[in-house]
Amino acid sequence: VPAPVTNEAGGIYVQLGAFSVPQNADAFLRKMRVDLEWLAASIGLQGNGKLYRVRAGPYASRDEANRVAQRVQQELGFKVLVLDR
């Protein structure tokens, strides 16, 4: 069963990946929930029909989001984005 896709919501997020194919986004979401177990509860899928973003949050501050982004980058070895929405 694919993960639910939410509409755009306001806040500060750590974007882990973005995909044009919803099935690819869903597979990546599931992998991130396993690889980043400590973050799994806050990782979700947001899409608008053209682009599907796998992201964690929202966070109360950009500093908090930056700390999460740094830890993700250290653990997984790839760059993530901190976005204000």
PDB file of N, CA and C in Angstrom:
ATOM      1  N   VAL A   1       0.855  -1.175   0.000  1.00  0.00           N
ATOM      2  CA  VAL A   1       0.000   0.000   0.000  1.00  0.00           C
ATOM      3  C   VAL A   1       0.898   1.234   0.000  1.00  0.00           C
ATOM      4  N   PRO A   2       0.737   2.118  -0.982  1.00  0.00           N
ATOM      5  CA  PRO A   2       1.558   3.326  -1.025  1.00  0.00           C
ATOM      6  C   PRO A   2       1.283   4.239   0.166  1.00  0.00           C
ATOM      7  N   ALA A   3       2.292   5.009   0.551  1.00  0.00           N
ATOM      8  CA  ALA A   3       2.132   5.980   1.631  1.00  0.00           C
ATOM      9  C   ALA A   3       1.195   7.087   1.169  1.00  0.00           C
ATOM     10  N   PRO A   4       0.420   7.662   2.096  1.00  0.00           N
ATOM     11  CA  PRO A   4      -0.447   8.773   1.700  1.00  0.00           C
ATOM     12  C   PRO A   4       0.374   9.989   1.290  1.00  0.00           C
ATOM     13  N   VAL A   5      -0.109  10.691   0.294  1.00  0.00           N
ATOM     14  CA  VAL A   5       0.547  11.900  -0.194  1.00  0.00           C
ATOM     15  C   VAL A   5      -0.251  13.090   0.309  1.00  0.00           C
ATOM     16  N   THR A   6       0.430  14.010   0.978  1.00  0.00           N
ATOM     17  CA  THR A   6      -0.249  15.193   1.501  1.00  0.00           C
ATOM     18  C   THR A   6      -0.047  16.375   0.567  1.00  0.00           C
ATOM     19  N   ASN A   7      -0.903  17.367   0.715  1.00  0.00           N
ATOM     20  CA  ASN A   7      -0.745  18.616  -0.019  1.00  0.00           C
ATOM     21  C   ASN A   7       0.305  19.470   0.668  1.00  0.00           C
ATOM     22  N   GLU A   8       0.701  20.529   0.002  1.00  0.00           N
ATOM     23  CA  GLU A   8       1.699  21.447   0.543  1.00  0.00           C
ATOM     24  C   GLU A   8       1.236  21.986   1.894  1.00  0.00           C
ATOM     25  N   ALA A   9       2.111  21.921   2.885  1.00  0.00           N
ATOM     26  CA  ALA A   9       1.816  22.450   4.218  1.00  0.00           C
ATOM     27  C   ALA A   9       2.940  23.398   4.612  1.00  0.00           C
ATOM     28  N   GLY A  10       2.608  24.407   5.390  1.00  0.00           N
ATOM     29  CA  GLY A  10       3.611  25.375   5.803  1.00  0.00           C
ATOM     30  C   GLY A  10       4.548  24.814   6.852  1.00  0.00           C
ATOM     31  N   GLY A  11       5.732  25.404   6.965  1.00  0.00           N
ATOM     32  CA  GLY A  11       6.693  24.995   7.967  1.00  0.00           C
ATOM     33  C   GLY A  11       8.091  24.884   7.404  1.00  0.00           C
ATOM     34  N   ILE A  12       8.997  24.417   8.242  1.00  0.00           N
ATOM     35  CA  ILE A  12      10.398  24.215   7.858  1.00  0.00           C
ATOM     36  C   ILE A  12      10.629  22.712   7.778  1.00  0.00           C
ATOM     37  N   TYR A  13      11.128  22.256   6.634  1.00  0.00           N
ATOM     38  CA  TYR A  13      11.294  20.834   6.374  1.00  0.00           C
ATOM     39  C   TYR A  13      12.712  20.505   5.941  1.00  0.00           C
ATOM     40  N   VAL A  14      13.093  19.242   6.146  1.00  0.00           N
ATOM     41  CA  VAL A  14      14.328  18.699   5.592  1.00  0.00           C
ATOM     42  C   VAL A  14      13.898  17.799   4.438  1.00  0.00           C
ATOM     43  N   GLN A  15      14.227  18.225   3.222  1.00  0.00           N
ATOM     44  CA  GLN A  15      13.862  17.442   2.047  1.00  0.00           C
ATOM     45  C   GLN A  15      14.941  16.406   1.774  1.00  0.00           C
ATOM     46  N   LEU A  16      14.534  15.141   1.762  1.00  0.00           N
ATOM     47  CA  LEU A  16      15.460  14.036   1.546  1.00  0.00           C
ATOM     48  C   LEU A  16      15.578  13.671   0.074  1.00  0.00           C
ATOM     49  N   GLY A  17      14.510  13.887  -0.686  1.00  0.00           N
ATOM     50  CA  GLY A  17      14.518  13.563  -2.104  1.00  0.00           C
ATOM     51  C   GLY A  17      13.273  14.075  -2.781  1.00  0.00           C
ATOM     52  N   ALA A  18      13.331  14.201  -4.119  1.00  0.00           N
ATOM     53  CA  ALA A  18      12.188  14.644  -4.911  1.00  0.00           C
ATOM     54  C   ALA A  18      12.117  13.790  -6.174  1.00  0.00           C
ATOM     55  N   PHE A  19      10.911  13.396  -6.538  1.00  0.00           N
ATOM     56  CA  PHE A  19      10.709  12.446  -7.631  1.00  0.00           C
ATOM     57  C   PHE A  19       9.526  12.853  -8.483  1.00  0.00           C
ATOM     58  N   SER A  20       9.579  12.531  -9.772  1.00  0.00           N
ATOM     59  CA  SER A  20       8.447  12.787 -10.657  1.00  0.00           C
ATOM     60  C   SER A  20       7.510  11.583 -10.727  1.00  0.00           C
ATOM     61  N   VAL A  21       7.995  10.418 -10.320  1.00  0.00           N
ATOM     62  CA  VAL A  21       7.185   9.191 -10.336  1.00  0.00           C
ATOM     63  C   VAL A  21       6.806   8.841  -8.894  1.00  0.00           C
ATOM     64  N   PRO A  22       5.493   8.817  -8.597  1.00  0.00           N
ATOM     65  CA  PRO A  22       5.083   8.587  -7.209  1.00  0.00           C
ATOM     66  C   PRO A  22       5.562   7.255  -6.632  1.00  0.00           C
ATOM     67  N   GLN A  23       5.662   6.218  -7.442  1.00  0.00           N
ATOM     68  CA  GLN A  23       6.124   4.921  -6.942  1.00  0.00           C
ATOM     69  C   GLN A  23       7.583   4.993  -6.491  1.00  0.00           C
ATOM     70  N   ASN A  24       8.394   5.770  -7.202  1.00  0.00           N
ATOM     71  CA  ASN A  24       9.796   5.935  -6.803  1.00  0.00           C
ATOM     72  C   ASN A  24       9.891   6.699  -5.491  1.00  0.00           C
ATOM     73  N   ALA A  25       9.063   7.732  -5.345  1.00  0.00           N
ATOM     74  CA  ALA A  25       9.032   8.497  -4.099  1.00  0.00           C
ATOM     75  C   ALA A  25       8.610   7.604  -2.942  1.00  0.00           C
ATOM     76  N   ASP A  26       7.609   6.768  -3.163  1.00  0.00           N
ATOM     77  CA  ASP A  26       7.124   5.876  -2.107  1.00  0.00           C
ATOM     78  C   ASP A  26       8.201   4.863  -1.706  1.00  0.00           C
ATOM     79  N   ALA A  27       8.913   4.301  -2.674  1.00  0.00           N
ATOM     80  CA  ALA A  27       9.985   3.351  -2.372  1.00  0.00           C
ATOM     81  C   ALA A  27      11.105   4.031  -1.580  1.00  0.00           C
ATOM     82  N   PHE A  28      11.457   5.259  -1.967  1.00  0.00           N
ATOM     83  CA  PHE A  28      12.492   6.006  -1.260  1.00  0.00           C
ATOM     84  C   PHE A  28      12.046   6.345   0.155  1.00  0.00           C
ATOM     85  N   LEU A  29      10.789   6.740   0.308  1.00  0.00           N
ATOM     86  CA  LEU A  29      10.222   7.026   1.628  1.00  0.00           C
ATOM     87  C   LEU A  29      10.365   5.815   2.547  1.00  0.00           C
ATOM     88  N   ARG A  30      10.001   4.655   2.065  1.00  0.00           N
ATOM     89  CA  ARG A  30      10.088   3.431   2.876  1.00  0.00           C
ATOM     90  C   ARG A  30      11.537   3.119   3.259  1.00  0.00           C
ATOM     91  N   LYS A  31      12.461   3.328   2.310  1.00  0.00           N
ATOM     92  CA  LYS A  31      13.880   3.090   2.603  1.00  0.00           C
ATOM     93  C   LYS A  31      14.387   4.071   3.663  1.00  0.00           C
ATOM     94  N   MET A  32      13.997   5.333   3.550  1.00  0.00           N
ATOM     95  CA  MET A  32      14.440   6.338   4.521  1.00  0.00           C
ATOM     96  C   MET A  32      13.889   6.036   5.911  1.00  0.00           C
ATOM     97  N   ARG A  33      12.671   5.536   5.986  1.00  0.00           N
ATOM     98  CA  ARG A  33      12.097   5.191   7.297  1.00  0.00           C
ATOM     99  C   ARG A  33      12.849   4.047   7.954  1.00  0.00           C
ATOM    100  N   VAL A  34      13.447   3.170   7.160  1.00  0.00           N
ATOM    101  CA  VAL A  34      14.269   2.082   7.702  1.00  0.00           C
ATOM    102  C   VAL A  34      15.670   2.592   8.037  1.00  0.00           C
ATOM    103  N   ASP A  35      16.284   3.299   7.088  1.00  0.00           N
ATOM    104  CA  ASP A  35      17.661   3.768   7.263  1.00  0.00           C
ATOM    105  C   ASP A  35      17.778   4.831   8.355  1.00  0.00           C
ATOM    106  N   LEU A  36      16.728   5.623   8.530  1.00  0.00           N
ATOM    107  CA  LEU A  36      16.723   6.705   9.521  1.00  0.00           C
ATOM    108  C   LEU A  36      15.628   6.437  10.549  1.00  0.00           C
ATOM    109  N   GLU A  37      15.728   5.314  11.208  1.00  0.00           N
ATOM    110  CA  GLU A  37      14.698   4.885  12.148  1.00  0.00           C
ATOM    111  C   GLU A  37      14.387   5.959  13.198  1.00  0.00           C
ATOM    112  N   TRP A  38      15.396   6.672  13.649  1.00  0.00           N
ATOM    113  CA  TRP A  38      15.230   7.727  14.656  1.00  0.00           C
ATOM    114  C   TRP A  38      14.379   8.888  14.144  1.00  0.00           C
ATOM    115  N   LEU A  39      14.221   8.990  12.827  1.00  0.00           N
ATOM    116  CA  LEU A  39      13.485  10.084  12.201  1.00  0.00           C
ATOM    117  C   LEU A  39      12.199   9.612  11.538  1.00  0.00           C
ATOM    118  N   ALA A  40      11.970   8.316  11.530  1.00  0.00           N
ATOM    119  CA  ALA A  40      10.893   7.713  10.740  1.00  0.00           C
ATOM    120  C   ALA A  40       9.516   8.332  10.974  1.00  0.00           C
ATOM    121  N   ALA A  41       9.185   8.667  12.208  1.00  0.00           N
ATOM    122  CA  ALA A  41       7.844   9.180  12.505  1.00  0.00           C
ATOM    123  C   ALA A  41       7.569  10.528  11.853  1.00  0.00           C
ATOM    124  N   SER A  42       8.613  11.294  11.552  1.00  0.00           N
ATOM    125  CA  SER A  42       8.390  12.624  10.976  1.00  0.00           C
ATOM    126  C   SER A  42       8.605  12.661   9.461  1.00  0.00           C
ATOM    127  N   ILE A  43       8.952  11.530   8.839  1.00  0.00           N
ATOM    128  CA  ILE A  43       9.189  11.508   7.395  1.00  0.00           C
ATOM    129  C   ILE A  43       7.868  11.242   6.681  1.00  0.00           C
ATOM    130  N   GLY A  44       7.580  12.084   5.699  1.00  0.00           N
ATOM    131  CA  GLY A  44       6.346  11.937   4.938  1.00  0.00           C
ATOM    132  C   GLY A  44       6.568  12.222   3.473  1.00  0.00           C
ATOM    133  N   LEU A  45       5.473  12.079   2.734  1.00  0.00           N
ATOM    134  CA  LEU A  45       5.489  12.263   1.289  1.00  0.00           C
ATOM    135  C   LEU A  45       4.519  13.379   0.946  1.00  0.00           C
ATOM    136  N   GLN A  46       4.998  14.379   0.228  1.00  0.00           N
ATOM    137  CA  GLN A  46       4.175  15.500  -0.194  1.00  0.00           C
ATOM    138  C   GLN A  46       4.235  15.577  -1.705  1.00  0.00           C
ATOM    139  N   GLY A  47       3.086  15.728  -2.338  1.00  0.00           N
ATOM    140  CA  GLY A  47       3.077  15.790  -3.792  1.00  0.00           C
ATOM    141  C   GLY A  47       2.004  16.713  -4.330  1.00  0.00           C
ATOM    142  N   ASN A  48       2.222  17.158  -5.557  1.00  0.00           N
ATOM    143  CA  ASN A  48       1.255  18.032  -6.207  1.00  0.00           C
ATOM    144  C   ASN A  48       0.811  17.480  -7.559  1.00  0.00           C
ATOM    145  N   GLY A  49       1.084  16.211  -7.822  1.00  0.00           N
ATOM    146  CA  GLY A  49       0.716  15.607  -9.090  1.00  0.00           C
ATOM    147  C   GLY A  49       1.830  15.628 -10.115  1.00  0.00           C
ATOM    148  N   LYS A  50       2.830  16.480  -9.915  1.00  0.00           N
ATOM    149  CA  LYS A  50       3.970  16.567 -10.829  1.00  0.00           C
ATOM    150  C   LYS A  50       5.274  16.224 -10.133  1.00  0.00           C
ATOM    151  N   LEU A  51       5.377  16.606  -8.850  1.00  0.00           N
ATOM    152  CA  LEU A  51       6.596  16.379  -8.085  1.00  0.00           C
ATOM    153  C   LEU A  51       6.225  15.842  -6.716  1.00  0.00           C
ATOM    154  N   TYR A  52       6.932  14.795  -6.291  1.00  0.00           N
ATOM    155  CA  TYR A  52       6.678  14.144  -5.011  1.00  0.00           C
ATOM    156  C   TYR A  52       7.933  14.266  -4.157  1.00  0.00           C
ATOM    157  N   ARG A  53       7.784  14.933  -3.013  1.00  0.00           N
ATOM    158  CA  ARG A  53       8.923  15.198  -2.130  1.00  0.00           C
ATOM    159  C   ARG A  53       8.860  14.307  -0.899  1.00  0.00           C
ATOM    160  N   VAL A  54       9.985  13.691  -0.581  1.00  0.00           N
ATOM    161  CA  VAL A  54      10.128  12.933   0.661  1.00  0.00           C
ATOM    162  C   VAL A  54      10.849  13.866   1.623  1.00  0.00           C
ATOM    163  N   ARG A  55      10.173  14.166   2.736  1.00  0.00           N
ATOM    164  CA  ARG A  55      10.756  15.139   3.644  1.00  0.00           C
ATOM    165  C   ARG A  55      10.377  14.856   5.084  1.00  0.00           C
ATOM    166  N   ALA A  56      11.201  15.398   5.985  1.00  0.00           N
ATOM    167  CA  ALA A  56      10.976  15.277   7.422  1.00  0.00           C
ATOM    168  C   ALA A  56      10.568  16.639   7.960  1.00  0.00           C
ATOM    169  N   GLY A  57       9.715  16.624   8.951  1.00  0.00           N
ATOM    170  CA  GLY A  57       9.291  17.871   9.576  1.00  0.00           C
ATOM    171  C   GLY A  57       7.786  17.907   9.743  1.00  0.00           C
ATOM    172  N   PRO A  58       7.244  19.068   9.999  1.00  0.00           N
ATOM    173  CA  PRO A  58       7.893  20.372  10.069  1.00  0.00           C
ATOM    174  C   PRO A  58       8.625  20.580  11.397  1.00  0.00           C
ATOM    175  N   TYR A  59       9.586  21.498  11.349  1.00  0.00           N
ATOM    176  CA  TYR A  59      10.385  21.846  12.520  1.00  0.00           C
ATOM    177  C   TYR A  59      10.046  23.251  12.996  1.00  0.00           C
ATOM    178  N   ALA A  60      10.239  23.482  14.282  1.00  0.00           N
ATOM    179  CA  ALA A  60       9.901  24.762  14.896  1.00  0.00           C
ATOM    180  C   ALA A  60      10.863  25.871  14.476  1.00  0.00           C
ATOM    181  N   SER A  61      12.097  25.495  14.121  1.00  0.00           N
ATOM    182  CA  SER A  61      13.082  26.515  13.745  1.00  0.00           C
ATOM    183  C   SER A  61      14.008  25.969  12.659  1.00  0.00           C
ATOM    184  N   ARG A  62      14.627  26.892  11.966  1.00  0.00           N
ATOM    185  CA  ARG A  62      15.606  26.511  10.949  1.00  0.00           C
ATOM    186  C   ARG A  62      16.813  25.841  11.602  1.00  0.00           C
ATOM    187  N   ASP A  63      17.197  26.280  12.811  1.00  0.00           N
ATOM    188  CA  ASP A  63      18.320  25.658  13.525  1.00  0.00           C
ATOM    189  C   ASP A  63      18.049  24.182  13.797  1.00  0.00           C
ATOM    190  N   GLU A  64      16.834  23.874  14.251  1.00  0.00           N
ATOM    191  CA  GLU A  64      16.476  22.477  14.509  1.00  0.00           C
ATOM    192  C   GLU A  64      16.531  21.671  13.217  1.00  0.00           C
ATOM    193  N   ALA A  65      15.997  22.216  12.137  1.00  0.00           N
ATOM    194  CA  ALA A  65      16.024  21.524  10.843  1.00  0.00           C
ATOM    195  C   ALA A  65      17.460  21.337  10.358  1.00  0.00           C
ATOM    196  N   ASN A  66      18.303  22.341  10.563  1.00  0.00           N
ATOM    197  CA  ASN A  66      19.713  22.219  10.150  1.00  0.00           C
ATOM    198  C   ASN A  66      20.430  21.118  10.919  1.00  0.00           C
ATOM    199  N   ARG A  67      20.132  20.969  12.215  1.00  0.00           N
ATOM    200  CA  ARG A  67      20.745  19.889  13.005  1.00  0.00           C
ATOM    201  C   ARG A  67      20.330  18.524  12.459  1.00  0.00           C
ATOM    202  N   VAL A  68      19.059  18.383  12.131  1.00  0.00           N
ATOM    203  CA  VAL A  68      18.579  17.120  11.561  1.00  0.00           C
ATOM    204  C   VAL A  68      19.249  16.875  10.208  1.00  0.00           C
ATOM    205  N   ALA A  69      19.327  17.904   9.377  1.00  0.00           N
ATOM    206  CA  ALA A  69      19.943  17.768   8.053  1.00  0.00           C
ATOM    207  C   ALA A  69      21.400  17.335   8.161  1.00  0.00           C
ATOM    208  N   GLN A  70      22.147  17.919   9.102  1.00  0.00           N
ATOM    209  CA  GLN A  70      23.549  17.543   9.281  1.00  0.00           C
ATOM    210  C   GLN A  70      23.683  16.082   9.693  1.00  0.00           C
ATOM    211  N   ARG A  71      22.815  15.628  10.600  1.00  0.00           N
ATOM    212  CA  ARG A  71      22.887  14.230  11.042  1.00  0.00           C
ATOM    213  C   ARG A  71      22.550  13.286   9.892  1.00  0.00           C
ATOM    214  N   VAL A  72      21.523  13.629   9.113  1.00  0.00           N
ATOM    215  CA  VAL A  72      21.146  12.796   7.961  1.00  0.00           C
ATOM    216  C   VAL A  72      22.317  12.726   6.983  1.00  0.00           C
ATOM    217  N   GLN A  73      22.932  13.861   6.686  1.00  0.00           N
ATOM    218  CA  GLN A  73      24.061  13.885   5.756  1.00  0.00           C
ATOM    219  C   GLN A  73      25.225  13.048   6.261  1.00  0.00           C
ATOM    220  N   GLN A  74      25.497  13.092   7.562  1.00  0.00           N
ATOM    221  CA  GLN A  74      26.581  12.283   8.127  1.00  0.00           C
ATOM    222  C   GLN A  74      26.270  10.798   8.023  1.00  0.00           C
ATOM    223  N   GLU A  75      25.024  10.429   8.296  1.00  0.00           N
ATOM    224  CA  GLU A  75      24.660   9.007   8.304  1.00  0.00           C
ATOM    225  C   GLU A  75      24.531   8.418   6.907  1.00  0.00           C
ATOM    226  N   LEU A  76      24.001   9.181   5.950  1.00  0.00           N
ATOM    227  CA  LEU A  76      23.708   8.635   4.631  1.00  0.00           C
ATOM    228  C   LEU A  76      24.706   9.044   3.556  1.00  0.00           C
ATOM    229  N   GLY A  77      25.468  10.117   3.818  1.00  0.00           N
ATOM    230  CA  GLY A  77      26.485  10.527   2.867  1.00  0.00           C
ATOM    231  C   GLY A  77      25.975  11.283   1.661  1.00  0.00           C
ATOM    232  N   PHE A  78      24.751  11.805   1.713  1.00  0.00           N
ATOM    233  CA  PHE A  78      24.294  12.659   0.624  1.00  0.00           C
ATOM    234  C   PHE A  78      23.641  13.916   1.178  1.00  0.00           C
ATOM    235  N   LYS A  79      23.665  14.961   0.357  1.00  0.00           N
ATOM    236  CA  LYS A  79      23.185  16.272   0.777  1.00  0.00           C
ATOM    237  C   LYS A  79      21.656  16.325   0.744  1.00  0.00           C
ATOM    238  N   VAL A  80      21.095  16.960   1.761  1.00  0.00           N
ATOM    239  CA  VAL A  80      19.654  17.188   1.824  1.00  0.00           C
ATOM    240  C   VAL A  80      19.422  18.696   1.887  1.00  0.00           C
ATOM    241  N   LEU A  81      18.192  19.109   1.665  1.00  0.00           N
ATOM    242  CA  LEU A  81      17.838  20.522   1.659  1.00  0.00           C
ATOM    243  C   LEU A  81      16.988  20.889   2.857  1.00  0.00           C
ATOM    244  N   VAL A  82      17.191  22.086   3.382  1.00  0.00           N
ATOM    245  CA  VAL A  82      16.307  22.643   4.391  1.00  0.00           C
ATOM    246  C   VAL A  82      15.454  23.686   3.682  1.00  0.00           C
ATOM    247  N   LEU A  83      14.120  23.502   3.741  1.00  0.00           N
ATOM    248  CA  LEU A  83      13.191  24.359   3.005  1.00  0.00           C
ATOM    249  C   LEU A  83      12.164  24.995   3.911  1.00  0.00           C
ATOM    250  N   ASP A  84      11.908  26.266   3.671  1.00  0.00           N
ATOM    251  CA  ASP A  84      10.797  26.963   4.328  1.00  0.00           C
ATOM    252  C   ASP A  84       9.620  26.909   3.365  1.00  0.00           C
ATOM    253  N   ARG A  85       8.509  26.391   3.844  1.00  0.00           N
ATOM    254  CA  ARG A  85       7.301  26.286   3.006  1.00  0.00           C
ATOM    255  C   ARG A  85       6.161  27.041   3.620  1.00  0.00           C
TER     256      ARG A  85
END
